[in-house]
Amino acid sequence: MNRHTRLHTLESLNADVLIAILAACDSFSDLASFIRASPIFFHAFLSAKATVLLHVVSNILGPAIRDAALLAQTSGFDGEDRERKVDAAVQDYRARLHVTSAPWVTTLNADMALALVRVTRLAQFYVDLFSYFRFQYFAHRLDPTPVERPPPQPRLSRTERGRIAQAVLRCQLLKHIHEGKYWEPRDYHRFSRDVLSLFHPWELQQISDMDEFLSQLVVSLAEYQVKKQDHNSGHTPPRWYFWWQHYAPGLEEFATKIKRALDLDSSLLDSSSQELAGNIAATDFRQETT
């Protein structure tokens, strides 16, 4: 049976089956391949867009979809009513954390599904970045000889990828909620009671490890940019001002800065790898879901 015949056979299935096939994809690239391959699949996708995207994200993130959904939800809050909405979202999140098996998130509207996809892509970017530095570190430990070798190809289990993504998302969640509502010192105890109490000690440790990695990543890129600016202009800006002006964004903006820097200098990751490696070598994201 050739490719055209197989595709025609798939297209002859009823709409519910086509939607189920799309929802079973475990990557956005696989989903895109189906959609591009046939207008019938494309129309099936459009008919159940939010449902399909919710399932695909769940296949990618596992339990971390709960964190991604809260981040997608609270990132859209603004205005005078923001505090009440954040409170309600955190309570909903607390309930979701008690769900121990799929489906971890059951309903989303189309707009929120698209926001969830953006958050998931962002998490995947940092998972890949973390994995790159981690494997570079072990490659160097096994063979410290400075020779040319191909970039490491990380092979992580789905559980480990999900755990790394979860730590990334929770770092952003805590900062987002803390800065949005609990930034005043008098509110810290409330933040600790209502938000930090959501997590087990080992989960807080993973969040702390990821926060350290992201902080060191910020330091590394800031140092690179400071040196570059110093080389080009002949002077270095005050470090605190440079840091505040360029390296205090959310993860999405920071990812854009990293990608822009890599476009200008593809060797940036290699030059930063050993500096960052010590902060991630001992981290362990293999613990099973609770």
C-alpha atoms as a PDB file:
ATOM      1  CA  MET A   1       0.000   0.000   0.000  1.00  0.00           C
ATOM      2  CA  ASN A   2       1.618   3.261  -1.105  1.00  0.00           C
ATOM      3  CA  ARG A   3       1.499   6.565   0.747  1.00  0.00           C
ATOM      4  CA  HIS A   4      -1.361   7.973  -1.316  1.00  0.00           C
ATOM      5  CA  THR A   5      -3.500   4.882  -0.696  1.00  0.00           C
ATOM      6  CA  ARG A   6      -2.796   4.947   3.053  1.00  0.00           C
ATOM      7  CA  LEU A   7      -3.720   8.626   3.237  1.00  0.00           C
ATOM      8  CA  HIS A   8      -6.920   8.030   1.266  1.00  0.00           C
ATOM      9  CA  THR A   9      -7.827   5.209   3.662  1.00  0.00           C
ATOM     10  CA  LEU A  10      -7.341   7.496   6.649  1.00  0.00           C
ATOM     11  CA  GLU A  11      -9.373  10.255   5.029  1.00  0.00           C
ATOM     12  CA  SER A  12     -12.303   7.873   4.591  1.00  0.00           C
ATOM     13  CA  LEU A  13     -12.680   7.473   8.360  1.00  0.00           C
ATOM     14  CA  ASN A  14     -15.457   9.345  10.132  1.00  0.00           C
ATOM     15  CA  ALA A  15     -14.777  12.710  11.743  1.00  0.00           C
ATOM     16  CA  ASP A  16     -14.655  11.418  15.325  1.00  0.00           C
ATOM     17  CA  VAL A  17     -11.914   8.947  14.439  1.00  0.00           C
ATOM     18  CA  LEU A  18      -9.927  11.615  12.585  1.00  0.00           C
ATOM     19  CA  ILE A  19     -10.137  13.895  15.614  1.00  0.00           C
ATOM     20  CA  ALA A  20      -9.000  11.033  17.863  1.00  0.00           C
ATOM     21  CA  ILE A  21      -5.995  10.422  15.584  1.00  0.00           C
ATOM     22  CA  LEU A  22      -5.023  14.093  15.729  1.00  0.00           C
ATOM     23  CA  ALA A  23      -5.498  14.187  19.499  1.00  0.00           C
ATOM     24  CA  ALA A  24      -3.131  11.212  19.874  1.00  0.00           C
ATOM     25  CA  CYS A  25      -0.168  13.157  18.441  1.00  0.00           C
ATOM     26  CA  ASP A  26       2.617  13.605  20.977  1.00  0.00           C
ATOM     27  CA  SER A  27       4.275  16.598  19.308  1.00  0.00           C
ATOM     28  CA  PHE A  28       3.228  19.757  17.518  1.00  0.00           C
ATOM     29  CA  SER A  29       5.301  18.735  14.502  1.00  0.00           C
ATOM     30  CA  ASP A  30       3.357  15.476  14.128  1.00  0.00           C
ATOM     31  CA  LEU A  31       0.084  17.373  14.403  1.00  0.00           C
ATOM     32  CA  ALA A  32       1.236  19.888  11.792  1.00  0.00           C
ATOM     33  CA  SER A  33       2.235  17.064   9.439  1.00  0.00           C
ATOM     34  CA  PHE A  34      -1.253  15.571   9.581  1.00  0.00           C
ATOM     35  CA  ILE A  35      -2.908  18.944   9.042  1.00  0.00           C
ATOM     36  CA  ARG A  36      -0.693  19.799   6.076  1.00  0.00           C
ATOM     37  CA  ALA A  37      -1.083  16.363   4.519  1.00  0.00           C
ATOM     38  CA  SER A  38      -4.803  16.568   3.854  1.00  0.00           C
ATOM     39  CA  PRO A  39      -7.580  19.180   3.777  1.00  0.00           C
ATOM     40  CA  ILE A  40      -9.852  16.582   5.374  1.00  0.00           C
ATOM     41  CA  PHE A  41      -7.563  16.367   8.406  1.00  0.00           C
ATOM     42  CA  PHE A  42      -7.327  20.161   8.422  1.00  0.00           C
ATOM     43  CA  HIS A  43     -11.103  20.553   8.555  1.00  0.00           C
ATOM     44  CA  ALA A  44     -11.331  17.878  11.259  1.00  0.00           C
ATOM     45  CA  PHE A  45      -8.785  19.841  13.274  1.00  0.00           C
ATOM     46  CA  LEU A  46     -10.704  23.099  12.870  1.00  0.00           C
ATOM     47  CA  SER A  47     -13.909  21.424  14.018  1.00  0.00           C
ATOM     48  CA  ALA A  48     -12.356  20.466  17.378  1.00  0.00           C
ATOM     49  CA  LYS A  49      -9.339  22.754  17.658  1.00  0.00           C
ATOM     50  CA  ALA A  50      -9.379  23.352  21.407  1.00  0.00           C
ATOM     51  CA  THR A  51      -9.939  19.672  22.221  1.00  0.00           C
ATOM     52  CA  VAL A  52      -7.154  18.478  19.925  1.00  0.00           C
ATOM     53  CA  LEU A  53      -4.648  21.044  21.199  1.00  0.00           C
ATOM     54  CA  LEU A  54      -5.519  20.226  24.810  1.00  0.00           C
ATOM     55  CA  HIS A  55      -4.834  16.527  24.217  1.00  0.00           C
ATOM     56  CA  VAL A  56      -1.593  17.131  22.307  1.00  0.00           C
ATOM     57  CA  VAL A  57      -0.269  19.410  25.051  1.00  0.00           C
ATOM     58  CA  SER A  58      -1.242  16.792  27.621  1.00  0.00           C
ATOM     59  CA  ASN A  59       0.671  14.170  25.624  1.00  0.00           C
ATOM     60  CA  ILE A  60       3.734  16.441  25.595  1.00  0.00           C
ATOM     61  CA  LEU A  61       3.717  17.728  29.173  1.00  0.00           C
ATOM     62  CA  GLY A  62       1.887  15.070  31.139  1.00  0.00           C
ATOM     63  CA  PRO A  63       0.925  16.392  34.602  1.00  0.00           C
ATOM     64  CA  ALA A  64       2.795  19.650  33.888  1.00  0.00           C
ATOM     65  CA  ILE A  65      -0.163  20.691  31.736  1.00  0.00           C
ATOM     66  CA  ARG A  66      -1.770  21.814  35.006  1.00  0.00           C
ATOM     67  CA  ASP A  67       1.033  24.335  35.482  1.00  0.00           C
ATOM     68  CA  ALA A  68       0.967  25.389  31.836  1.00  0.00           C
ATOM     69  CA  ALA A  69      -2.788  25.937  31.975  1.00  0.00           C
ATOM     70  CA  LEU A  70      -2.527  28.146  35.068  1.00  0.00           C
ATOM     71  CA  LEU A  71       0.283  30.188  33.510  1.00  0.00           C
ATOM     72  CA  ALA A  72      -1.681  30.616  30.287  1.00  0.00           C
ATOM     73  CA  GLN A  73      -4.720  31.628  32.319  1.00  0.00           C
ATOM     74  CA  THR A  74      -3.121  34.100  34.743  1.00  0.00           C
ATOM     75  CA  SER A  75      -0.883  35.732  32.131  1.00  0.00           C
ATOM     76  CA  GLY A  76      -4.013  37.220  30.598  1.00  0.00           C
ATOM     77  CA  PHE A  77      -5.208  38.826  33.835  1.00  0.00           C
ATOM     78  CA  ASP A  78      -4.932  42.585  34.196  1.00  0.00           C
ATOM     79  CA  GLY A  79      -6.858  45.534  35.553  1.00  0.00           C
ATOM     80  CA  GLU A  80      -8.383  46.174  38.954  1.00  0.00           C
ATOM     81  CA  ASP A  81      -9.979  42.725  39.168  1.00  0.00           C
ATOM     82  CA  ARG A  82      -6.680  40.885  38.710  1.00  0.00           C
ATOM     83  CA  GLU A  83      -6.172  39.939  42.375  1.00  0.00           C
ATOM     84  CA  ARG A  84      -9.557  38.232  42.638  1.00  0.00           C
ATOM     85  CA  LYS A  85      -8.980  36.358  39.373  1.00  0.00           C
ATOM     86  CA  VAL A  86      -5.535  35.195  40.485  1.00  0.00           C
ATOM     87  CA  ASP A  87      -6.969  33.999  43.800  1.00  0.00           C
ATOM     88  CA  ALA A  88      -9.651  32.005  41.986  1.00  0.00           C
ATOM     89  CA  ALA A  89      -7.102  30.565  39.545  1.00  0.00           C
ATOM     90  CA  VAL A  90      -4.790  29.478  42.373  1.00  0.00           C
ATOM     91  CA  GLN A  91      -7.677  27.715  44.115  1.00  0.00           C
ATOM     92  CA  ASP A  92      -8.558  25.949  40.875  1.00  0.00           C
ATOM     93  CA  TYR A  93      -4.895  24.986  40.514  1.00  0.00           C
ATOM     94  CA  ARG A  94      -4.849  23.578  44.042  1.00  0.00           C
ATOM     95  CA  ALA A  95      -7.767  21.329  43.119  1.00  0.00           C
ATOM     96  CA  ARG A  96      -6.051  20.227  39.904  1.00  0.00           C
ATOM     97  CA  LEU A  97      -2.916  19.221  41.810  1.00  0.00           C
ATOM     98  CA  HIS A  98      -4.977  16.589  43.637  1.00  0.00           C
ATOM     99  CA  VAL A  99      -5.808  14.891  40.321  1.00  0.00           C
ATOM    100  CA  THR A 100      -3.393  11.968  40.025  1.00  0.00           C
ATOM    101  CA  SER A 101      -4.132  10.674  36.522  1.00  0.00           C
ATOM    102  CA  ALA A 102      -5.083  11.981  33.087  1.00  0.00           C
ATOM    103  CA  PRO A 103      -6.993  13.991  32.098  1.00  0.00           C
ATOM    104  CA  TRP A 104      -5.351  16.626  34.300  1.00  0.00           C
ATOM    105  CA  VAL A 105      -7.122  19.473  32.489  1.00  0.00           C
ATOM    106  CA  THR A 106     -10.474  18.755  30.872  1.00  0.00           C
ATOM    107  CA  THR A 107     -11.847  21.910  29.260  1.00  0.00           C
ATOM    108  CA  LEU A 108     -10.407  24.995  27.578  1.00  0.00           C
ATOM    109  CA  ASN A 109     -11.836  27.468  25.113  1.00  0.00           C
ATOM    110  CA  ALA A 110     -10.124  28.110  21.774  1.00  0.00           C
ATOM    111  CA  ASP A 111      -8.278  31.258  22.891  1.00  0.00           C
ATOM    112  CA  MET A 112      -6.973  29.609  26.036  1.00  0.00           C
ATOM    113  CA  ALA A 113      -5.910  26.544  24.025  1.00  0.00           C
ATOM    114  CA  LEU A 114      -3.768  28.760  21.788  1.00  0.00           C
ATOM    115  CA  ALA A 115      -2.270  30.440  24.863  1.00  0.00           C
ATOM    116  CA  LEU A 116      -1.542  26.973  26.254  1.00  0.00           C
ATOM    117  CA  VAL A 117       0.305  26.047  23.047  1.00  0.00           C
ATOM    118  CA  ARG A 118       2.486  29.168  23.329  1.00  0.00           C
ATOM    119  CA  VAL A 119       3.315  28.370  26.945  1.00  0.00           C
ATOM    120  CA  THR A 120       4.135  24.761  26.033  1.00  0.00           C
ATOM    121  CA  ARG A 121       6.458  25.797  23.202  1.00  0.00           C
ATOM    122  CA  LEU A 122       8.201  28.146  25.604  1.00  0.00           C
ATOM    123  CA  ALA A 123       8.668  25.367  28.154  1.00  0.00           C
ATOM    124  CA  GLN A 124      10.030  23.055  25.447  1.00  0.00           C
ATOM    125  CA  PHE A 125      12.617  25.677  24.490  1.00  0.00           C
ATOM    126  CA  TYR A 126      13.979  25.762  28.043  1.00  0.00           C
ATOM    127  CA  VAL A 127      13.820  21.974  28.396  1.00  0.00           C
ATOM    128  CA  ASP A 128      15.990  21.641  25.285  1.00  0.00           C
ATOM    129  CA  LEU A 129      18.361  24.326  26.555  1.00  0.00           C
ATOM    130  CA  PHE A 130      18.674  22.691  29.969  1.00  0.00           C
ATOM    131  CA  SER A 131      19.248  19.290  28.354  1.00  0.00           C
ATOM    132  CA  TYR A 132      21.924  20.702  26.063  1.00  0.00           C
ATOM    133  CA  PHE A 133      23.963  22.129  28.942  1.00  0.00           C
ATOM    134  CA  ARG A 134      23.491  19.026  31.041  1.00  0.00           C
ATOM    135  CA  PHE A 135      24.716  16.670  28.341  1.00  0.00           C
ATOM    136  CA  GLN A 136      27.576  18.999  27.425  1.00  0.00           C
ATOM    137  CA  TYR A 137      28.700  18.823  31.027  1.00  0.00           C
ATOM    138  CA  PHE A 138      28.752  15.034  31.125  1.00  0.00           C
ATOM    139  CA  ALA A 139      30.412  14.829  27.708  1.00  0.00           C
ATOM    140  CA  HIS A 140      33.178  17.077  28.998  1.00  0.00           C
ATOM    141  CA  ARG A 141      33.542  15.084  32.229  1.00  0.00           C
ATOM    142  CA  LEU A 142      33.903  11.851  30.264  1.00  0.00           C
ATOM    143  CA  ASP A 143      36.349  13.354  27.789  1.00  0.00           C
ATOM    144  CA  PRO A 144      37.849  16.715  28.804  1.00  0.00           C
ATOM    145  CA  THR A 145      40.131  16.791  25.760  1.00  0.00           C
ATOM    146  CA  PRO A 146      39.351  19.991  23.825  1.00  0.00           C
ATOM    147  CA  VAL A 147      38.527  18.362  20.501  1.00  0.00           C
ATOM    148  CA  GLU A 148      35.798  19.012  18.003  1.00  0.00           C
ATOM    149  CA  ARG A 149      32.831  16.736  18.537  1.00  0.00           C
ATOM    150  CA  PRO A 150      29.249  16.851  17.346  1.00  0.00           C
ATOM    151  CA  PRO A 151      26.699  18.429  19.689  1.00  0.00           C
ATOM    152  CA  PRO A 152      25.265  15.961  22.198  1.00  0.00           C
ATOM    153  CA  GLN A 153      21.897  14.465  21.384  1.00  0.00           C
ATOM    154  CA  PRO A 154      19.954  14.368  24.654  1.00  0.00           C
ATOM    155  CA  ARG A 155      17.795  11.324  25.227  1.00  0.00           C
ATOM    156  CA  LEU A 156      15.431  12.087  28.039  1.00  0.00           C
ATOM    157  CA  SER A 157      12.511  10.031  29.201  1.00  0.00           C
ATOM    158  CA  ARG A 158       9.060  11.543  28.872  1.00  0.00           C
ATOM    159  CA  THR A 159       8.872  11.737  32.665  1.00  0.00           C
ATOM    160  CA  GLU A 160      12.126  13.669  32.869  1.00  0.00           C
ATOM    161  CA  ARG A 161      11.148  16.085  30.089  1.00  0.00           C
ATOM    162  CA  GLY A 162       7.827  16.642  31.810  1.00  0.00           C
ATOM    163  CA  ARG A 163       9.509  17.257  35.161  1.00  0.00           C
ATOM    164  CA  ILE A 164      11.963  19.769  33.683  1.00  0.00           C
ATOM    165  CA  ALA A 165       9.118  21.562  31.911  1.00  0.00           C
ATOM    166  CA  GLN A 166       7.118  21.562  35.130  1.00  0.00           C
ATOM    167  CA  ALA A 167       9.980  23.174  37.051  1.00  0.00           C
ATOM    168  CA  VAL A 168      10.363  25.851  34.355  1.00  0.00           C
ATOM    169  CA  LEU A 169       6.653  26.611  34.372  1.00  0.00           C
ATOM    170  CA  ARG A 170       6.454  26.731  38.155  1.00  0.00           C
ATOM    171  CA  CYS A 171       9.390  29.141  38.330  1.00  0.00           C
ATOM    172  CA  GLN A 172       7.518  31.488  36.045  1.00  0.00           C
ATOM    173  CA  LEU A 173       4.236  30.907  37.869  1.00  0.00           C
ATOM    174  CA  LEU A 174       5.662  31.789  41.273  1.00  0.00           C
ATOM    175  CA  LYS A 175       7.342  34.913  39.959  1.00  0.00           C
ATOM    176  CA  HIS A 176       4.244  35.913  38.041  1.00  0.00           C
ATOM    177  CA  ILE A 177       1.937  35.535  41.031  1.00  0.00           C
ATOM    178  CA  HIS A 178       4.475  36.958  43.487  1.00  0.00           C
ATOM    179  CA  GLU A 179       5.247  40.046  41.405  1.00  0.00           C
ATOM    180  CA  GLY A 180       1.645  40.548  40.413  1.00  0.00           C
ATOM    181  CA  LYS A 181       0.130  40.375  43.874  1.00  0.00           C
ATOM    182  CA  TYR A 182       2.548  39.440  46.641  1.00  0.00           C
ATOM    183  CA  TRP A 183       5.424  41.795  45.868  1.00  0.00           C
ATOM    184  CA  GLU A 184       5.004  43.850  49.055  1.00  0.00           C
ATOM    185  CA  PRO A 185       6.913  42.478  52.073  1.00  0.00           C
ATOM    186  CA  ARG A 186       3.782  42.455  54.242  1.00  0.00           C
ATOM    187  CA  ASP A 187       2.212  39.923  51.830  1.00  0.00           C
ATOM    188  CA  TYR A 188       5.037  37.387  51.896  1.00  0.00           C
ATOM    189  CA  HIS A 189       3.458  35.217  54.603  1.00  0.00           C
ATOM    190  CA  ARG A 190       0.245  35.091  52.612  1.00  0.00           C
ATOM    191  CA  PHE A 191       2.189  34.108  49.525  1.00  0.00           C
ATOM    192  CA  SER A 192       3.999  31.396  51.487  1.00  0.00           C
ATOM    193  CA  ARG A 193       0.749  30.062  52.949  1.00  0.00           C
ATOM    194  CA  ASP A 194      -1.372  30.196  49.790  1.00  0.00           C
ATOM    195  CA  VAL A 195       1.157  29.375  47.061  1.00  0.00           C
ATOM    196  CA  LEU A 196       4.296  27.688  48.393  1.00  0.00           C
ATOM    197  CA  SER A 197       2.089  25.319  50.389  1.00  0.00           C
ATOM    198  CA  LEU A 198       0.841  23.915  47.078  1.00  0.00           C
ATOM    199  CA  PHE A 199       4.037  21.906  46.584  1.00  0.00           C
ATOM    200  CA  HIS A 200       5.856  19.016  48.246  1.00  0.00           C
ATOM    201  CA  PRO A 201       9.394  19.722  49.546  1.00  0.00           C
ATOM    202  CA  TRP A 202      10.996  17.777  46.676  1.00  0.00           C
ATOM    203  CA  GLU A 203       8.950  19.813  44.183  1.00  0.00           C
ATOM    204  CA  LEU A 204      10.146  23.043  45.794  1.00  0.00           C
ATOM    205  CA  GLN A 205      13.709  21.729  45.477  1.00  0.00           C
ATOM    206  CA  GLN A 206      13.232  21.151  41.756  1.00  0.00           C
ATOM    207  CA  ILE A 207      11.792  24.649  41.388  1.00  0.00           C
ATOM    208  CA  SER A 208      14.782  26.032  43.290  1.00  0.00           C
ATOM    209  CA  ASP A 209      17.225  24.095  41.086  1.00  0.00           C
ATOM    210  CA  MET A 210      15.566  25.390  37.932  1.00  0.00           C
ATOM    211  CA  ASP A 211      15.476  28.930  39.275  1.00  0.00           C
ATOM    212  CA  GLU A 212      19.219  28.712  39.918  1.00  0.00           C
ATOM    213  CA  PHE A 213      19.828  27.457  36.383  1.00  0.00           C
ATOM    214  CA  LEU A 214      17.716  30.220  34.845  1.00  0.00           C
ATOM    215  CA  SER A 215      19.431  32.823  37.023  1.00  0.00           C
ATOM    216  CA  GLN A 216      22.851  31.602  35.923  1.00  0.00           C
ATOM    217  CA  LEU A 217      21.656  31.622  32.331  1.00  0.00           C
ATOM    218  CA  VAL A 218      20.670  35.259  32.771  1.00  0.00           C
ATOM    219  CA  VAL A 219      24.083  36.022  34.296  1.00  0.00           C
ATOM    220  CA  SER A 220      25.904  34.268  31.466  1.00  0.00           C
ATOM    221  CA  LEU A 221      24.007  36.064  28.729  1.00  0.00           C
ATOM    222  CA  ALA A 222      24.273  39.400  30.523  1.00  0.00           C
ATOM    223  CA  GLU A 223      28.039  38.967  30.871  1.00  0.00           C
ATOM    224  CA  TYR A 224      28.267  38.134  27.187  1.00  0.00           C
ATOM    225  CA  GLN A 225      26.275  41.214  26.202  1.00  0.00           C
ATOM    226  CA  VAL A 226      28.210  43.485  28.583  1.00  0.00           C
ATOM    227  CA  LYS A 227      31.528  42.323  27.135  1.00  0.00           C
ATOM    228  CA  LYS A 228      30.194  42.734  23.629  1.00  0.00           C
ATOM    229  CA  GLN A 229      28.939  46.240  24.333  1.00  0.00           C
ATOM    230  CA  ASP A 230      32.193  47.123  26.044  1.00  0.00           C
ATOM    231  CA  HIS A 231      34.132  45.891  22.999  1.00  0.00           C
ATOM    232  CA  ASN A 232      31.970  47.851  20.573  1.00  0.00           C
ATOM    233  CA  SER A 233      31.588  51.100  22.482  1.00  0.00           C
ATOM    234  CA  GLY A 234      34.697  51.265  24.600  1.00  0.00           C
ATOM    235  CA  HIS A 235      32.870  51.411  27.920  1.00  0.00           C
ATOM    236  CA  THR A 236      30.754  49.175  30.121  1.00  0.00           C
ATOM    237  CA  PRO A 237      27.352  50.390  31.367  1.00  0.00           C
ATOM    238  CA  PRO A 238      26.621  50.236  35.098  1.00  0.00           C
ATOM    239  CA  ARG A 239      25.964  46.580  35.757  1.00  0.00           C
ATOM    240  CA  TRP A 240      22.793  47.023  37.791  1.00  0.00           C
ATOM    241  CA  TYR A 241      21.256  49.279  35.149  1.00  0.00           C
ATOM    242  CA  PHE A 242      22.180  46.919  32.327  1.00  0.00           C
ATOM    243  CA  TRP A 243      20.753  44.001  34.274  1.00  0.00           C
ATOM    244  CA  TRP A 244      17.488  45.785  35.080  1.00  0.00           C
ATOM    245  CA  GLN A 245      17.104  47.201  31.577  1.00  0.00           C
ATOM    246  CA  HIS A 246      17.784  44.029  29.606  1.00  0.00           C
ATOM    247  CA  TYR A 247      17.588  40.932  31.798  1.00  0.00           C
ATOM    248  CA  ALA A 248      14.585  41.174  34.083  1.00  0.00           C
ATOM    249  CA  PRO A 249      11.900  39.982  31.652  1.00  0.00           C
ATOM    250  CA  GLY A 250       9.574  37.026  31.726  1.00  0.00           C
ATOM    251  CA  LEU A 251      10.705  33.745  30.226  1.00  0.00           C
ATOM    252  CA  GLU A 252       9.117  34.495  26.860  1.00  0.00           C
ATOM    253  CA  GLU A 253      11.014  37.738  26.404  1.00  0.00           C
ATOM    254  CA  PHE A 254      14.201  36.143  27.716  1.00  0.00           C
ATOM    255  CA  ALA A 255      13.859  33.293  25.202  1.00  0.00           C
ATOM    256  CA  THR A 256      13.603  35.890  22.434  1.00  0.00           C
ATOM    257  CA  LYS A 257      16.821  37.511  23.676  1.00  0.00           C
ATOM    258  CA  ILE A 258      18.608  34.149  23.726  1.00  0.00           C
ATOM    259  CA  LYS A 259      17.500  33.301  20.198  1.00  0.00           C
ATOM    260  CA  ARG A 260      18.558  36.737  18.957  1.00  0.00           C
ATOM    261  CA  ALA A 261      21.983  36.340  20.578  1.00  0.00           C
ATOM    262  CA  LEU A 262      22.393  32.868  19.040  1.00  0.00           C
ATOM    263  CA  ASP A 263      21.540  34.255  15.613  1.00  0.00           C
ATOM    264  CA  LEU A 264      24.414  36.709  16.026  1.00  0.00           C
ATOM    265  CA  ASP A 265      26.865  34.238  17.572  1.00  0.00           C
ATOM    266  CA  SER A 266      26.257  30.508  17.175  1.00  0.00           C
ATOM    267  CA  SER A 267      29.159  29.714  19.540  1.00  0.00           C
ATOM    268  CA  LEU A 268      27.404  31.317  22.504  1.00  0.00           C
ATOM    269  CA  LEU A 269      26.031  28.042  23.891  1.00  0.00           C
ATOM    270  CA  ASP A 270      29.415  26.324  23.784  1.00  0.00           C
ATOM    271  CA  SER A 271      31.137  29.242  25.499  1.00  0.00           C
ATOM    272  CA  SER A 272      28.528  29.227  28.263  1.00  0.00           C
ATOM    273  CA  SER A 273      28.165  25.478  28.731  1.00  0.00           C
ATOM    274  CA  GLN A 274      30.905  24.786  31.270  1.00  0.00           C
ATOM    275  CA  GLU A 275      30.085  27.903  33.265  1.00  0.00           C
ATOM    276  CA  LEU A 276      26.494  26.743  33.633  1.00  0.00           C
ATOM    277  CA  ALA A 277      27.115  23.018  33.881  1.00  0.00           C
ATOM    278  CA  GLY A 278      28.040  22.983  37.544  1.00  0.00           C
ATOM    279  CA  ASN A 279      24.615  24.309  38.445  1.00  0.00           C
ATOM    280  CA  ILE A 280      22.707  21.518  36.718  1.00  0.00           C
ATOM    281  CA  ALA A 281      24.918  18.452  37.029  1.00  0.00           C
ATOM    282  CA  ALA A 282      23.355  17.294  40.282  1.00  0.00           C
ATOM    283  CA  THR A 283      19.739  18.045  39.458  1.00  0.00           C
ATOM    284  CA  ASP A 284      17.386  15.104  39.169  1.00  0.00           C
ATOM    285  CA  PHE A 285      14.026  15.381  37.440  1.00  0.00           C
ATOM    286  CA  ARG A 286      13.252  11.674  37.247  1.00  0.00           C
ATOM    287  CA  GLN A 287      10.996  11.417  40.291  1.00  0.00           C
ATOM    288  CA  GLU A 288       7.645   9.912  39.463  1.00  0.00           C
ATOM    289  CA  THR A 289       4.448  11.910  39.366  1.00  0.00           C
ATOM    290  CA  THR A 290       2.303  12.056  42.470  1.00  0.00           C
END
